[in-house]
Amino acid sequence: MKLKNSLTTLLIVLICGAYLVATYVPNLTFGGLGLRENLFLIKNAQFPDGSLHGVDQHEYWRIFTVALTHAGWLHLGSNMLAFFQLGNNIERYFGKVRYAIILLISLASASLISLYFAAPNIPSVGASGMIFGLFGAILVTSRKMGADYKEVLGLVVLNLALTFVIPNIDWHAHVGGLAGGALAAWGINLLAPRFTR
C-alpha cells in the first residue's frame, strides 16, 4: 500500500483542510453558523443568535464530523502524527474496508460516550477518540500483527494516563474510542474468514 493512496493519508488531508478552512475562512457560514460551529460535537446548546443546536436537536452528523475540528495547531499536529503512525499500520493489516469500519465504530463510540456524560453548552473537538480506537484495535490484534503485546499495552496505559493529567481533555471520548476500536477489531478478527482485503 502506497502512503499517498492510503485512506489514512486521505483522511489526514481532509481533517487538515477542514481545520484550515474553519480557521482562515471565518466568513464561510452554513445556516448562519461558521464551519467549526457546524461540525463540533455538542449535546445541546443555545447559540448567540438564540437558536438551539446539538445532537439533541437531531444534528447527528456531529457524531462523526467532530474529527474534522481541532482546538489549535498543537492539537491538530499531535493528533495527525498519532493518526499517521497508527493508522497506516492498521490499514495495512486490515485492508481499507475493515479499517474504515474500525474508524467509524471508534468515532461513533467515542462521541456517544462523550455525549452521555457531556454538560449542555460544552463542545468537544478533535479526532482523538477515533485515534484511541486505533490503540484499542492494536491492543487486541498485536500478536497477529507481530507487535509486542507488553509494549502496546504500555503505550495504551501511558496515553490513557496523559488523558487524565492534561487539563481540558474529554477522557470520556478517549475511553469510548478505545473500547469501540477494541470491540470492532475483535469482531472483525472473529469474522475475518468472511472478509477479503
Protein backbone atom coordinates (compact mmCIF):
# COMPACT_ATOMS: atom_id res chain seq x y z
CA MET A 1 0.00 0.00 0.00
CA LYS A 2 1.46 3.34 -1.05
CA LEU A 3 1.11 6.04 1.62
CA LYS A 4 -0.22 8.56 -0.88
CA ASN A 5 -3.04 6.14 -1.79
CA SER A 6 -3.90 5.21 1.78
CA LEU A 7 -7.21 6.03 3.45
CA THR A 8 -5.20 7.38 6.39
CA THR A 9 -3.45 9.94 4.19
CA LEU A 10 -6.72 10.96 2.55
CA LEU A 11 -8.37 11.48 5.95
CA ILE A 12 -5.40 13.49 7.26
CA VAL A 13 -5.66 15.81 4.23
CA LEU A 14 -9.42 16.14 4.78
CA ILE A 15 -9.07 16.86 8.52
CA CYS A 16 -6.27 19.40 7.98
CA GLY A 17 -8.22 21.02 5.15
CA ALA A 18 -11.33 21.38 7.31
CA TYR A 19 -9.21 22.95 10.08
CA LEU A 20 -7.61 25.42 7.67
CA VAL A 21 -10.95 26.46 6.15
CA ALA A 22 -12.63 26.81 9.56
CA THR A 23 -9.70 28.85 10.90
CA TYR A 24 -8.85 31.08 7.95
CA VAL A 25 -12.19 31.49 6.19
CA PRO A 26 -14.35 32.59 9.13
CA ASN A 27 -16.93 34.23 6.85
CA LEU A 28 -17.85 30.87 5.34
CA THR A 29 -21.15 30.04 7.02
CA PHE A 30 -23.84 27.39 6.73
CA GLY A 31 -27.23 28.05 8.27
CA GLY A 32 -25.83 31.15 9.92
CA LEU A 33 -23.02 29.24 11.68
CA GLY A 34 -19.32 29.02 10.90
CA LEU A 35 -17.87 25.74 9.69
CA ARG A 36 -16.40 24.83 13.09
CA GLU A 37 -19.70 25.51 14.87
CA ASN A 38 -21.48 23.25 12.37
CA LEU A 39 -19.02 20.39 12.90
CA PHE A 40 -18.01 20.18 16.56
CA LEU A 41 -19.65 17.74 18.94
CA ILE A 42 -22.17 19.26 21.31
CA LYS A 43 -25.09 17.73 23.14
CA ASN A 44 -27.38 20.72 23.34
CA ALA A 45 -26.59 24.42 23.19
CA GLN A 46 -28.20 27.78 22.67
CA PHE A 47 -26.04 29.76 20.28
CA PRO A 48 -25.63 33.58 20.48
CA ASP A 49 -28.41 34.14 17.92
CA GLY A 50 -30.83 32.26 20.20
CA SER A 51 -31.00 29.14 18.02
CA LEU A 52 -30.66 25.67 19.53
CA HIS A 53 -28.06 23.28 18.17
CA GLY A 54 -26.52 19.93 19.01
CA VAL A 55 -27.13 16.22 18.76
CA ASP A 56 -30.22 16.59 20.97
CA GLN A 57 -31.55 18.85 18.20
CA HIS A 58 -31.17 15.98 15.68
CA GLU A 59 -27.82 17.21 14.33
CA TYR A 60 -26.48 13.64 14.27
CA TRP A 61 -23.71 14.38 11.79
CA ARG A 62 -21.76 15.90 14.69
CA ILE A 63 -21.05 12.38 15.99
CA PHE A 64 -18.69 11.95 13.01
CA THR A 65 -17.74 15.49 12.00
CA VAL A 66 -16.14 16.17 15.39
CA ALA A 67 -13.00 14.56 13.92
CA LEU A 68 -12.75 17.47 11.47
CA THR A 69 -12.41 20.05 14.27
CA HIS A 70 -9.43 20.89 16.46
CA ALA A 71 -8.61 23.41 19.19
CA GLY A 72 -5.37 24.67 17.65
CA TRP A 73 -2.25 23.79 15.69
CA LEU A 74 -0.70 21.75 18.51
CA HIS A 75 -3.89 19.73 18.95
CA LEU A 76 -4.16 19.12 15.21
CA GLY A 77 -0.47 18.28 14.78
CA SER A 78 -0.27 15.80 17.67
CA ASN A 79 -3.47 14.06 16.58
CA MET A 80 -2.42 13.80 12.93
CA LEU A 81 1.04 12.49 13.85
CA ALA A 82 -0.51 9.76 16.01
CA PHE A 83 -3.11 9.03 13.32
CA PHE A 84 -0.41 8.71 10.65
CA GLN A 85 1.76 6.38 12.76
CA LEU A 86 -1.04 4.13 13.98
CA GLY A 87 -3.41 4.35 11.06
CA ASN A 88 -1.10 3.26 8.27
CA ASN A 89 -0.02 0.12 10.15
CA ILE A 90 -3.60 -0.86 10.98
CA GLU A 91 -4.80 -0.06 7.44
CA ARG A 92 -2.01 -2.23 6.02
CA TYR A 93 -3.01 -5.14 8.25
CA PHE A 94 -6.81 -4.98 7.94
CA GLY A 95 -7.24 -3.51 4.46
CA LYS A 96 -9.22 -0.35 3.64
CA VAL A 97 -12.76 -1.63 4.16
CA ARG A 98 -12.21 -3.24 7.57
CA TYR A 99 -10.01 -0.33 8.61
CA ALA A 100 -12.80 2.11 7.70
CA ILE A 101 -15.23 0.07 9.80
CA ILE A 102 -12.87 0.28 12.79
CA LEU A 103 -12.53 4.05 12.35
CA LEU A 104 -16.30 4.60 12.12
CA ILE A 105 -17.10 2.43 15.13
CA SER A 106 -14.31 4.05 17.15
CA LEU A 107 -15.51 7.54 16.29
CA ALA A 108 -19.16 6.74 16.97
CA SER A 109 -18.45 5.08 20.32
CA ALA A 110 -16.14 7.94 21.38
CA SER A 111 -18.79 10.53 20.51
CA LEU A 112 -21.69 8.66 22.09
CA ILE A 113 -19.87 8.11 25.40
CA SER A 114 -18.76 11.75 25.36
CA LEU A 115 -22.35 12.89 24.73
CA TYR A 116 -23.71 10.69 27.53
CA PHE A 117 -21.53 12.49 30.09
CA ALA A 118 -21.50 15.91 28.40
CA ALA A 119 -22.87 19.04 30.01
CA PRO A 120 -25.03 21.39 27.90
CA ASN A 121 -23.25 24.19 26.04
CA ILE A 122 -19.83 22.49 26.22
CA PRO A 123 -18.44 21.45 22.81
CA SER A 124 -15.89 18.72 22.13
CA VAL A 125 -13.41 18.88 19.28
CA GLY A 126 -10.83 16.58 17.75
CA ALA A 127 -10.12 13.18 16.28
CA SER A 128 -8.51 11.72 19.40
CA GLY A 129 -11.47 9.47 20.25
CA MET A 130 -11.08 7.81 16.86
CA ILE A 131 -7.31 7.60 17.35
CA PHE A 132 -7.80 5.88 20.70
CA GLY A 133 -9.91 3.39 18.79
CA LEU A 134 -6.78 2.55 16.82
CA PHE A 135 -4.96 1.90 20.10
CA GLY A 136 -7.78 -0.47 21.01
CA ALA A 137 -7.52 -2.24 17.65
CA ILE A 138 -3.77 -2.71 18.03
CA LEU A 139 -4.22 -3.94 21.58
CA VAL A 140 -6.48 -6.84 20.57
CA THR A 141 -4.59 -7.59 17.33
CA SER A 142 -0.98 -7.02 18.40
CA ARG A 143 0.03 -10.69 18.44
CA LYS A 144 -1.42 -11.32 14.99
CA MET A 145 0.27 -8.16 13.71
CA GLY A 146 3.60 -9.28 15.14
CA ALA A 147 3.75 -6.45 17.68
CA ASP A 148 4.95 -6.83 21.28
CA TYR A 149 1.79 -7.00 23.41
CA LYS A 150 3.53 -5.57 26.51
CA GLU A 151 4.85 -2.58 24.55
CA VAL A 152 1.41 -1.92 23.07
CA LEU A 153 -0.23 -2.20 26.50
CA GLY A 154 2.36 0.18 27.97
CA LEU A 155 1.69 2.69 25.18
CA VAL A 156 -2.07 2.49 25.76
CA VAL A 157 -1.67 2.92 29.54
CA LEU A 158 0.68 5.90 29.05
CA ASN A 159 -1.72 7.63 26.65
CA LEU A 160 -4.69 6.98 28.93
CA ALA A 161 -2.75 8.38 31.88
CA LEU A 162 -2.00 11.55 29.90
CA THR A 163 -5.72 11.85 29.22
CA PHE A 164 -6.36 12.28 32.95
CA VAL A 165 -3.32 14.51 33.61
CA ILE A 166 -3.63 17.13 30.87
CA PRO A 167 -6.49 19.57 31.54
CA ASN A 168 -9.47 20.09 29.21
CA ILE A 169 -9.28 16.66 27.61
CA ASP A 170 -12.52 14.75 27.10
CA TRP A 171 -11.44 11.49 28.71
CA HIS A 172 -14.89 10.00 28.09
CA ALA A 173 -14.26 10.18 24.34
CA HIS A 174 -10.84 8.56 24.70
CA VAL A 175 -12.16 5.66 26.78
CA GLY A 176 -15.17 5.27 24.47
CA GLY A 177 -12.96 5.25 21.38
CA LEU A 178 -10.55 2.75 22.93
CA ALA A 179 -13.41 0.37 23.78
CA GLY A 180 -15.07 0.83 20.37
CA GLY A 181 -11.87 0.19 18.44
CA ALA A 182 -11.03 -2.88 20.52
CA LEU A 183 -14.52 -4.34 20.05
CA ALA A 184 -14.55 -3.56 16.32
CA ALA A 185 -11.15 -5.20 15.75
CA TRP A 186 -12.11 -8.19 17.89
CA GLY A 187 -15.31 -8.66 15.90
CA ILE A 188 -13.52 -8.32 12.57
CA ASN A 189 -10.83 -10.79 13.65
CA LEU A 190 -13.56 -13.21 14.68
CA LEU A 191 -15.31 -12.87 11.32
CA ALA A 192 -12.12 -12.50 9.26
CA PRO A 193 -12.69 -15.55 7.05
CA ARG A 194 -15.83 -13.85 5.70
CA PHE A 195 -13.94 -10.76 4.58
CA THR A 196 -11.40 -10.11 1.92
CA ARG A 197 -8.94 -7.27 1.89
